[in-house]
Amino acid sequence: MQYNQILFRCDPDNEMVTDILSAMLGEIGFESFVRSDEGLEAYVPLPLFNPEALQEVITAMPMESSISYSVHTMEDKNWNEEWEKNYFQPITIGDDCCIHSSFHHSENSCRYSIVIDPKMAFGTGHHQTTGLILREILQMELAQKSVLDMGCGTAVLAILAAMKGAVPVTAIDIEEWAYSNALENVQRNGTDLIRVMCGGAELLGEEHYEVIFANINRNILLQDLPRYNAVLNRDGIIIMSGFYVEDLPLIRARAEELGLTFDHFSEMERWVAATFVKK
């Protein structure tokens, strides 16, 4: 299939702006996104490219940002295969977790080998926030513990938790394309018992959890933290990420208002994963 490559230049150019832009572009047919030194590269099948719809997305951006773009029509080839081969390279998290696509094979003999074909969904382990939580999971004892993965994206966090013996495991994402991708990745890794749901915090009801992962963004965390806290068992753990180190005091203050106790945080290139315990 022939694709258009759209190069977006955003000012300010930060993760939150490009993540929101990518999610909105996904609603009008864009299939994959790559950060480059020049900006955000986005790819859309030629028949689905609609300049009017694209301009509506830019106008509707909820954050103040100046966005310009250029369009390049690419030669016809299997671009999904090319993207998988060239942009999603296998990575190793910690000493014994390898993440790779179905186009690659892990070079190392890892205890936890996870196959992720990310398509449009975020969460391959390359982003700092995903990597931070994966490292936390590798250090946790999760056997027979109930786990909730909010904003699951590819479901890589839920998959690793299930591989470490967590049960039951629930993965939730508000985006339809992330939900579909999570279902595919759960099946690929033989972790079919993971329950994948499409929606947000409104899906949380009577079921309670011993461990919650919430890798979203600062504003959603602040908004939905009371709901997460309501379904977290006493002595349960919640690990939150998706925000910068300078946002940690705000996240911590909100969590402590709800009775959660700060335990520790880890940091990578200003991104943070913070762990709290419900005493």
C-alpha atoms as a PDB file:
ATOM      1  CA  MET A   1       0.000   0.000   0.000  1.00  0.00           C
ATOM      2  CA  GLN A   2       1.186   3.516  -0.773  1.00  0.00           C
ATOM      3  CA  TYR A   3       1.571   5.921   2.145  1.00  0.00           C
ATOM      4  CA  ASN A   4       1.928   9.614   2.785  1.00  0.00           C
ATOM      5  CA  GLN A   5       4.619  10.618   5.256  1.00  0.00           C
ATOM      6  CA  ILE A   6       3.644  13.769   7.140  1.00  0.00           C
ATOM      7  CA  LEU A   7       6.370  15.576   9.058  1.00  0.00           C
ATOM      8  CA  PHE A   8       4.922  17.643  11.902  1.00  0.00           C
ATOM      9  CA  ARG A   9       6.890  20.426  13.560  1.00  0.00           C
ATOM     10  CA  CYS A  10       5.429  21.470  16.899  1.00  0.00           C
ATOM     11  CA  ASP A  11       6.262  24.453  19.088  1.00  0.00           C
ATOM     12  CA  PRO A  12       6.536  23.626  21.923  1.00  0.00           C
ATOM     13  CA  ASP A  13       7.832  20.198  20.937  1.00  0.00           C
ATOM     14  CA  ASN A  14       7.355  17.916  23.933  1.00  0.00           C
ATOM     15  CA  GLU A  15       6.073  14.403  24.635  1.00  0.00           C
ATOM     16  CA  MET A  16       2.640  15.529  25.788  1.00  0.00           C
ATOM     17  CA  VAL A  17       1.972  17.577  22.652  1.00  0.00           C
ATOM     18  CA  THR A  18       3.130  14.861  20.256  1.00  0.00           C
ATOM     19  CA  ASP A  19       1.358  12.081  22.172  1.00  0.00           C
ATOM     20  CA  ILE A  20      -1.960  13.958  22.050  1.00  0.00           C
ATOM     21  CA  LEU A  21      -1.431  14.844  18.394  1.00  0.00           C
ATOM     22  CA  SER A  22      -0.652  11.199  17.569  1.00  0.00           C
ATOM     23  CA  ALA A  23      -3.796   9.979  19.336  1.00  0.00           C
ATOM     24  CA  MET A  24      -5.970  12.479  17.457  1.00  0.00           C
ATOM     25  CA  LEU A  25      -4.341  11.610  14.127  1.00  0.00           C
ATOM     26  CA  GLY A  26      -5.115   7.963  14.800  1.00  0.00           C
ATOM     27  CA  GLU A  27      -8.804   8.842  14.687  1.00  0.00           C
ATOM     28  CA  ILE A  28      -8.486  10.000  11.046  1.00  0.00           C
ATOM     29  CA  GLY A  29      -6.556   7.035   9.653  1.00  0.00           C
ATOM     30  CA  PHE A  30      -2.917   7.577  10.613  1.00  0.00           C
ATOM     31  CA  GLU A  31      -1.263   4.261  11.467  1.00  0.00           C
ATOM     32  CA  SER A  32       2.213   4.795  12.896  1.00  0.00           C
ATOM     33  CA  PHE A  33       4.387   7.513  14.383  1.00  0.00           C
ATOM     34  CA  VAL A  34       8.136   7.988  14.782  1.00  0.00           C
ATOM     35  CA  ARG A  35       9.983  10.761  16.637  1.00  0.00           C
ATOM     36  CA  SER A  36      12.945  12.126  14.669  1.00  0.00           C
ATOM     37  CA  ASP A  37      15.367  15.020  15.028  1.00  0.00           C
ATOM     38  CA  GLU A  38      13.168  17.004  12.650  1.00  0.00           C
ATOM     39  CA  GLY A  39       9.872  16.425  14.444  1.00  0.00           C
ATOM     40  CA  LEU A  40       7.063  13.862  14.478  1.00  0.00           C
ATOM     41  CA  GLU A  41       6.860  11.601  11.422  1.00  0.00           C
ATOM     42  CA  ALA A  42       3.341  10.246  10.883  1.00  0.00           C
ATOM     43  CA  TYR A  43       2.230   7.744   8.248  1.00  0.00           C
ATOM     44  CA  VAL A  44      -1.215   7.458   6.672  1.00  0.00           C
ATOM     45  CA  PRO A  45      -2.439   5.274   3.766  1.00  0.00           C
ATOM     46  CA  LEU A  46      -2.752   7.439   0.659  1.00  0.00           C
ATOM     47  CA  PRO A  47      -6.513   6.800   0.223  1.00  0.00           C
ATOM     48  CA  LEU A  48      -7.181   7.904   3.827  1.00  0.00           C
ATOM     49  CA  PHE A  49      -5.269  11.181   3.670  1.00  0.00           C
ATOM     50  CA  ASN A  50      -7.714  14.054   4.099  1.00  0.00           C
ATOM     51  CA  PRO A  51      -6.170  17.557   4.345  1.00  0.00           C
ATOM     52  CA  GLU A  52      -9.424  19.045   5.658  1.00  0.00           C
ATOM     53  CA  ALA A  53      -9.681  16.475   8.452  1.00  0.00           C
ATOM     54  CA  LEU A  54      -5.999  17.028   9.247  1.00  0.00           C
ATOM     55  CA  GLN A  55      -6.548  20.773   9.604  1.00  0.00           C
ATOM     56  CA  GLU A  56      -9.525  20.107  11.901  1.00  0.00           C
ATOM     57  CA  VAL A  57      -7.263  18.006  14.151  1.00  0.00           C
ATOM     58  CA  ILE A  58      -4.670  20.770  14.358  1.00  0.00           C
ATOM     59  CA  THR A  59      -7.356  23.357  15.121  1.00  0.00           C
ATOM     60  CA  ALA A  60      -8.904  21.116  17.800  1.00  0.00           C
ATOM     61  CA  MET A  61      -5.633  20.461  19.667  1.00  0.00           C
ATOM     62  CA  PRO A  62      -6.449  20.966  23.375  1.00  0.00           C
ATOM     63  CA  MET A  63      -2.967  22.318  24.146  1.00  0.00           C
ATOM     64  CA  GLU A  64      -1.504  25.571  22.905  1.00  0.00           C
ATOM     65  CA  SER A  65       0.998  24.634  20.225  1.00  0.00           C
ATOM     66  CA  SER A  66       2.043  25.985  16.848  1.00  0.00           C
ATOM     67  CA  ILE A  67       1.931  23.072  14.394  1.00  0.00           C
ATOM     68  CA  SER A  68       3.135  23.052  10.797  1.00  0.00           C
ATOM     69  CA  TYR A  69       3.565  20.070   8.486  1.00  0.00           C
ATOM     70  CA  SER A  70       4.889  18.909   5.144  1.00  0.00           C
ATOM     71  CA  VAL A  71       3.648  15.997   3.021  1.00  0.00           C
ATOM     72  CA  HIS A  72       5.738  13.432   1.160  1.00  0.00           C
ATOM     73  CA  THR A  73       4.177  10.610  -0.894  1.00  0.00           C
ATOM     74  CA  MET A  74       6.273   7.486  -0.489  1.00  0.00           C
ATOM     75  CA  GLU A  75       6.953   4.654  -2.905  1.00  0.00           C
ATOM     76  CA  ASP A  76       4.671   1.652  -2.677  1.00  0.00           C
ATOM     77  CA  LYS A  77       5.984  -1.137  -0.434  1.00  0.00           C
ATOM     78  CA  ASN A  78       5.078  -3.028   2.741  1.00  0.00           C
ATOM     79  CA  TRP A  79       5.614  -0.069   5.058  1.00  0.00           C
ATOM     80  CA  ASN A  80       4.232  -1.826   8.127  1.00  0.00           C
ATOM     81  CA  GLU A  81       6.943  -4.454   7.741  1.00  0.00           C
ATOM     82  CA  GLU A  82       9.574  -1.792   7.134  1.00  0.00           C
ATOM     83  CA  TRP A  83       8.509   0.124  10.246  1.00  0.00           C
ATOM     84  CA  GLU A  84       8.592  -3.000  12.386  1.00  0.00           C
ATOM     85  CA  LYS A  85      12.029  -3.984  11.117  1.00  0.00           C
ATOM     86  CA  ASN A  86      13.707  -0.597  11.243  1.00  0.00           C
ATOM     87  CA  TYR A  87      12.084   1.415  14.019  1.00  0.00           C
ATOM     88  CA  PHE A  88      11.057  -1.032  16.728  1.00  0.00           C
ATOM     89  CA  GLN A  89      14.369  -2.597  17.666  1.00  0.00           C
ATOM     90  CA  PRO A  90      14.544  -5.301  20.353  1.00  0.00           C
ATOM     91  CA  ILE A  91      15.399  -4.033  23.821  1.00  0.00           C
ATOM     92  CA  THR A  92      16.398  -5.578  27.119  1.00  0.00           C
ATOM     93  CA  ILE A  93      14.916  -4.355  30.403  1.00  0.00           C
ATOM     94  CA  GLY A  94      16.864  -5.256  33.501  1.00  0.00           C
ATOM     95  CA  ASP A  95      18.771  -8.523  33.404  1.00  0.00           C
ATOM     96  CA  ASP A  96      16.100 -10.932  32.247  1.00  0.00           C
ATOM     97  CA  CYS A  97      13.353  -9.220  30.208  1.00  0.00           C
ATOM     98  CA  CYS A  98      13.552  -8.900  26.418  1.00  0.00           C
ATOM     99  CA  ILE A  99      10.962  -7.108  24.297  1.00  0.00           C
ATOM    100  CA  HIS A 100      10.887  -7.574  20.540  1.00  0.00           C
ATOM    101  CA  SER A 101       8.422  -7.593  17.650  1.00  0.00           C
ATOM    102  CA  SER A 102       7.350 -10.649  15.680  1.00  0.00           C
ATOM    103  CA  PHE A 103       9.872  -9.544  13.025  1.00  0.00           C
ATOM    104  CA  HIS A 104      12.748 -10.016  15.455  1.00  0.00           C
ATOM    105  CA  HIS A 105      14.010 -12.713  17.744  1.00  0.00           C
ATOM    106  CA  SER A 106      15.594 -12.071  21.088  1.00  0.00           C
ATOM    107  CA  GLU A 107      19.340 -12.485  20.848  1.00  0.00           C
ATOM    108  CA  ASN A 108      19.575 -13.331  24.530  1.00  0.00           C
ATOM    109  CA  SER A 109      18.019 -16.174  26.445  1.00  0.00           C
ATOM    110  CA  CYS A 110      15.719 -14.080  28.600  1.00  0.00           C
ATOM    111  CA  ARG A 111      13.528 -15.361  31.377  1.00  0.00           C
ATOM    112  CA  TYR A 112      10.739 -13.095  30.179  1.00  0.00           C
ATOM    113  CA  SER A 113      10.622 -12.772  26.390  1.00  0.00           C
ATOM    114  CA  ILE A 114       7.752 -10.532  25.293  1.00  0.00           C
ATOM    115  CA  VAL A 115       6.542 -10.140  21.706  1.00  0.00           C
ATOM    116  CA  ILE A 116       5.010  -6.713  21.054  1.00  0.00           C
ATOM    117  CA  ASP A 117       3.749  -5.544  17.666  1.00  0.00           C
ATOM    118  CA  PRO A 118       2.845  -2.003  18.671  1.00  0.00           C
ATOM    119  CA  LYS A 119       1.123  -0.616  15.556  1.00  0.00           C
ATOM    120  CA  MET A 120      -0.210   2.747  16.818  1.00  0.00           C
ATOM    121  CA  ALA A 121      -0.340   1.930  20.525  1.00  0.00           C
ATOM    122  CA  PHE A 122       2.294   3.355  22.869  1.00  0.00           C
ATOM    123  CA  GLY A 123       4.261   1.129  25.208  1.00  0.00           C
ATOM    124  CA  THR A 124       7.068  -0.831  23.614  1.00  0.00           C
ATOM    125  CA  GLY A 125       9.451  -0.266  26.495  1.00  0.00           C
ATOM    126  CA  HIS A 126      11.447   2.326  24.567  1.00  0.00           C
ATOM    127  CA  HIS A 127       9.720   5.252  26.221  1.00  0.00           C
ATOM    128  CA  GLN A 128      11.212   6.186  29.580  1.00  0.00           C
ATOM    129  CA  THR A 129       7.940   5.837  31.510  1.00  0.00           C
ATOM    130  CA  THR A 130       7.255   2.306  30.256  1.00  0.00           C
ATOM    131  CA  GLY A 131      10.839   1.280  30.923  1.00  0.00           C
ATOM    132  CA  LEU A 132      10.711   2.659  34.461  1.00  0.00           C
ATOM    133  CA  ILE A 133       7.614   0.639  35.361  1.00  0.00           C
ATOM    134  CA  LEU A 134       8.959  -2.496  33.676  1.00  0.00           C
ATOM    135  CA  ARG A 135      12.025  -2.254  35.916  1.00  0.00           C
ATOM    136  CA  GLU A 136       9.787  -1.924  38.964  1.00  0.00           C
ATOM    137  CA  ILE A 137       7.782  -4.999  37.909  1.00  0.00           C
ATOM    138  CA  LEU A 138      10.943  -7.064  37.541  1.00  0.00           C
ATOM    139  CA  GLN A 139      11.759  -6.378  41.194  1.00  0.00           C
ATOM    140  CA  MET A 140       8.275  -7.190  42.511  1.00  0.00           C
ATOM    141  CA  GLU A 141       6.766 -10.406  43.832  1.00  0.00           C
ATOM    142  CA  LEU A 142       3.540 -10.702  41.867  1.00  0.00           C
ATOM    143  CA  ALA A 143       2.610 -14.388  42.103  1.00  0.00           C
ATOM    144  CA  GLN A 144      -1.143 -14.751  42.717  1.00  0.00           C
ATOM    145  CA  LYS A 145      -1.609 -10.995  43.069  1.00  0.00           C
ATOM    146  CA  SER A 146      -4.401  -9.102  41.323  1.00  0.00           C
ATOM    147  CA  VAL A 147      -3.094  -6.412  38.946  1.00  0.00           C
ATOM    148  CA  LEU A 148      -4.695  -3.498  37.102  1.00  0.00           C
ATOM    149  CA  ASP A 149      -2.905  -1.799  34.193  1.00  0.00           C
ATOM    150  CA  MET A 150      -4.539   1.574  33.454  1.00  0.00           C
ATOM    151  CA  GLY A 151      -3.704   3.220  30.133  1.00  0.00           C
ATOM    152  CA  CYS A 152      -2.279  -0.112  29.031  1.00  0.00           C
ATOM    153  CA  GLY A 153      -1.363   0.801  25.433  1.00  0.00           C
ATOM    154  CA  THR A 154       0.261  -2.351  24.031  1.00  0.00           C
ATOM    155  CA  ALA A 155      -0.399  -4.153  27.370  1.00  0.00           C
ATOM    156  CA  VAL A 156       3.321  -4.823  27.834  1.00  0.00           C
ATOM    157  CA  LEU A 157       3.107  -4.082  31.581  1.00  0.00           C
ATOM    158  CA  ALA A 158       0.140  -6.405  32.047  1.00  0.00           C
ATOM    159  CA  ILE A 159       1.874  -9.119  30.025  1.00  0.00           C
ATOM    160  CA  LEU A 160       5.043  -9.005  32.120  1.00  0.00           C
ATOM    161  CA  ALA A 161       2.957  -9.041  35.322  1.00  0.00           C
ATOM    162  CA  ALA A 162       1.087 -12.122  34.079  1.00  0.00           C
ATOM    163  CA  MET A 163       4.368 -13.825  33.156  1.00  0.00           C
ATOM    164  CA  LYS A 164       5.498 -13.208  36.744  1.00  0.00           C
ATOM    165  CA  GLY A 165       2.433 -15.034  38.047  1.00  0.00           C
ATOM    166  CA  ALA A 166      -0.029 -12.201  38.666  1.00  0.00           C
ATOM    167  CA  VAL A 167      -3.664 -13.306  38.542  1.00  0.00           C
ATOM    168  CA  PRO A 168      -6.166 -11.947  37.727  1.00  0.00           C
ATOM    169  CA  VAL A 169      -4.784  -9.201  35.487  1.00  0.00           C
ATOM    170  CA  THR A 170      -6.914  -6.452  33.931  1.00  0.00           C
ATOM    171  CA  ALA A 171      -5.667  -4.052  31.232  1.00  0.00           C
ATOM    172  CA  ILE A 172      -7.679  -0.938  30.306  1.00  0.00           C
ATOM    173  CA  ASP A 173      -7.169   1.732  27.654  1.00  0.00           C
ATOM    174  CA  ILE A 174      -9.524   4.441  26.454  1.00  0.00           C
ATOM    175  CA  GLU A 175      -8.409   4.254  22.820  1.00  0.00           C
ATOM    176  CA  GLU A 176     -10.080   1.675  20.556  1.00  0.00           C
ATOM    177  CA  TRP A 177      -6.882   1.057  18.562  1.00  0.00           C
ATOM    178  CA  ALA A 178      -4.864   0.508  21.744  1.00  0.00           C
ATOM    179  CA  TYR A 179      -7.537  -1.896  23.023  1.00  0.00           C
ATOM    180  CA  SER A 180      -7.357  -3.913  19.779  1.00  0.00           C
ATOM    181  CA  ASN A 181      -3.569  -3.952  19.825  1.00  0.00           C
ATOM    182  CA  ALA A 182      -3.511  -5.025  23.481  1.00  0.00           C
ATOM    183  CA  LEU A 183      -5.786  -7.967  22.648  1.00  0.00           C
ATOM    184  CA  GLU A 184      -3.432  -9.043  19.849  1.00  0.00           C
ATOM    185  CA  ASN A 185      -0.325  -8.807  22.034  1.00  0.00           C
ATOM    186  CA  VAL A 186      -1.974 -10.692  24.902  1.00  0.00           C
ATOM    187  CA  GLN A 187      -2.709 -13.568  22.509  1.00  0.00           C
ATOM    188  CA  ARG A 188       0.779 -13.466  20.977  1.00  0.00           C
ATOM    189  CA  ASN A 189       2.367 -14.002  24.379  1.00  0.00           C
ATOM    190  CA  GLY A 190       0.066 -16.778  25.565  1.00  0.00           C
ATOM    191  CA  THR A 191      -1.277 -14.598  28.368  1.00  0.00           C
ATOM    192  CA  ASP A 192      -4.884 -15.006  27.268  1.00  0.00           C
ATOM    193  CA  LEU A 193      -6.221 -14.829  30.822  1.00  0.00           C
ATOM    194  CA  ILE A 194      -5.528 -11.073  30.888  1.00  0.00           C
ATOM    195  CA  ARG A 195      -8.851  -9.241  30.652  1.00  0.00           C
ATOM    196  CA  VAL A 196      -8.590  -6.321  28.235  1.00  0.00           C
ATOM    197  CA  MET A 197     -11.211  -3.557  28.357  1.00  0.00           C
ATOM    198  CA  CYS A 198     -11.825  -0.397  26.340  1.00  0.00           C
ATOM    199  CA  GLY A 199     -12.654   2.682  28.391  1.00  0.00           C
ATOM    200  CA  GLY A 200     -11.407   4.783  31.262  1.00  0.00           C
ATOM    201  CA  ALA A 201     -11.698   4.981  35.033  1.00  0.00           C
ATOM    202  CA  GLU A 202     -15.490   4.740  34.748  1.00  0.00           C
ATOM    203  CA  LEU A 203     -15.014   0.988  34.162  1.00  0.00           C
ATOM    204  CA  LEU A 204     -13.665   0.522  37.678  1.00  0.00           C
ATOM    205  CA  GLY A 205     -16.338  -0.949  39.912  1.00  0.00           C
ATOM    206  CA  GLU A 206     -16.510  -3.598  42.611  1.00  0.00           C
ATOM    207  CA  GLU A 207     -13.329  -5.509  41.754  1.00  0.00           C
ATOM    208  CA  HIS A 208     -10.284  -4.626  43.855  1.00  0.00           C
ATOM    209  CA  TYR A 209      -6.571  -4.963  43.127  1.00  0.00           C
ATOM    210  CA  GLU A 210      -3.360  -5.502  45.045  1.00  0.00           C
ATOM    211  CA  VAL A 211      -1.206  -3.718  42.456  1.00  0.00           C
ATOM    212  CA  ILE A 212      -2.098  -0.902  40.050  1.00  0.00           C
ATOM    213  CA  PHE A 213       0.027   0.505  37.227  1.00  0.00           C
ATOM    214  CA  ALA A 214      -1.106   3.876  35.852  1.00  0.00           C
ATOM    215  CA  ASN A 215       1.106   5.183  33.050  1.00  0.00           C
ATOM    216  CA  ILE A 216      -0.973   8.032  31.650  1.00  0.00           C
ATOM    217  CA  ASN A 217      -0.274  11.757  32.165  1.00  0.00           C
ATOM    218  CA  ARG A 218      -0.272  14.179  35.051  1.00  0.00           C
ATOM    219  CA  ASN A 219      -3.739  15.657  34.553  1.00  0.00           C
ATOM    220  CA  ILE A 220      -5.494  12.314  34.124  1.00  0.00           C
ATOM    221  CA  LEU A 221      -3.660  10.899  37.137  1.00  0.00           C
ATOM    222  CA  LEU A 222      -4.751  13.818  39.308  1.00  0.00           C
ATOM    223  CA  GLN A 223      -8.318  13.475  38.055  1.00  0.00           C
ATOM    224  CA  ASP A 224      -8.677   9.694  38.343  1.00  0.00           C
ATOM    225  CA  LEU A 225      -6.505   8.931  41.370  1.00  0.00           C
ATOM    226  CA  PRO A 226      -9.540   8.810  43.722  1.00  0.00           C
ATOM    227  CA  ARG A 227     -11.030   6.054  41.544  1.00  0.00           C
ATOM    228  CA  TYR A 228      -7.770   4.106  41.542  1.00  0.00           C
ATOM    229  CA  ASN A 229      -7.498   4.477  45.296  1.00  0.00           C
ATOM    230  CA  ALA A 230     -11.069   3.221  45.752  1.00  0.00           C
ATOM    231  CA  VAL A 231     -10.272  -0.115  44.079  1.00  0.00           C
ATOM    232  CA  LEU A 232      -6.813  -0.569  45.639  1.00  0.00           C
ATOM    233  CA  ASN A 233      -6.667  -3.100  48.488  1.00  0.00           C
ATOM    234  CA  ARG A 234      -5.258  -2.157  51.875  1.00  0.00           C
ATOM    235  CA  ASP A 235      -1.474  -2.649  51.760  1.00  0.00           C
ATOM    236  CA  GLY A 236      -1.790  -2.467  47.975  1.00  0.00           C
ATOM    237  CA  ILE A 237       0.745  -0.718  45.728  1.00  0.00           C
ATOM    238  CA  ILE A 238       0.137   1.831  42.993  1.00  0.00           C
ATOM    239  CA  ILE A 239       2.904   2.849  40.593  1.00  0.00           C
ATOM    240  CA  MET A 240       2.229   5.996  38.580  1.00  0.00           C
ATOM    241  CA  SER A 241       4.181   7.390  35.656  1.00  0.00           C
ATOM    242  CA  GLY A 242       3.698   9.636  32.649  1.00  0.00           C
ATOM    243  CA  PHE A 243       4.901  12.866  34.255  1.00  0.00           C
ATOM    244  CA  TYR A 244       8.105  14.790  34.857  1.00  0.00           C
ATOM    245  CA  VAL A 245      10.119  14.986  38.069  1.00  0.00           C
ATOM    246  CA  GLU A 246       8.970  18.561  38.664  1.00  0.00           C
ATOM    247  CA  ASP A 247       5.368  17.274  38.770  1.00  0.00           C
ATOM    248  CA  LEU A 248       6.144  14.766  41.522  1.00  0.00           C
ATOM    249  CA  PRO A 249       5.288  17.104  44.446  1.00  0.00           C
ATOM    250  CA  LEU A 250       1.828  17.698  42.955  1.00  0.00           C
ATOM    251  CA  ILE A 251       1.222  13.976  42.397  1.00  0.00           C
ATOM    252  CA  ARG A 252       2.510  13.170  45.880  1.00  0.00           C
ATOM    253  CA  ALA A 253       0.330  15.802  47.542  1.00  0.00           C
ATOM    254  CA  ARG A 254      -2.785  14.468  45.796  1.00  0.00           C
ATOM    255  CA  ALA A 255      -1.953  10.872  46.706  1.00  0.00           C
ATOM    256  CA  GLU A 256      -1.321  11.745  50.351  1.00  0.00           C
ATOM    257  CA  GLU A 257      -4.641  13.618  50.501  1.00  0.00           C
ATOM    258  CA  LEU A 258      -6.254  10.284  49.687  1.00  0.00           C
ATOM    259  CA  GLY A 259      -4.332   8.439  52.393  1.00  0.00           C
ATOM    260  CA  LEU A 260      -1.652   6.900  50.205  1.00  0.00           C
ATOM    261  CA  THR A 261       1.896   6.721  51.575  1.00  0.00           C
ATOM    262  CA  PHE A 262       4.826   7.678  49.356  1.00  0.00           C
ATOM    263  CA  ASP A 263       7.389   4.884  49.112  1.00  0.00           C
ATOM    264  CA  HIS A 264       9.951   5.775  46.449  1.00  0.00           C
ATOM    265  CA  PHE A 265      10.449   7.020  42.911  1.00  0.00           C
ATOM    266  CA  SER A 266      12.784   6.320  40.012  1.00  0.00           C
ATOM    267  CA  GLU A 267      13.783   8.774  37.301  1.00  0.00           C
ATOM    268  CA  MET A 268      14.986   8.600  33.713  1.00  0.00           C
ATOM    269  CA  GLU A 269      15.671  11.740  31.659  1.00  0.00           C
ATOM    270  CA  ARG A 270      13.300  13.772  33.886  1.00  0.00           C
ATOM    271  CA  TRP A 271      10.481  11.211  33.549  1.00  0.00           C
ATOM    272  CA  VAL A 272       9.366   9.632  36.833  1.00  0.00           C
ATOM    273  CA  ALA A 273       7.721   6.471  38.154  1.00  0.00           C
ATOM    274  CA  ALA A 274       6.439   6.961  41.705  1.00  0.00           C
ATOM    275  CA  THR A 275       5.348   4.169  44.045  1.00  0.00           C
ATOM    276  CA  PHE A 276       2.724   4.625  46.788  1.00  0.00           C
ATOM    277  CA  VAL A 277       1.303   2.183  49.349  1.00  0.00           C
ATOM    278  CA  LYS A 278      -2.203   2.118  50.785  1.00  0.00           C
ATOM    279  CA  LYS A 279      -1.684   1.620  54.503  1.00  0.00           C
END
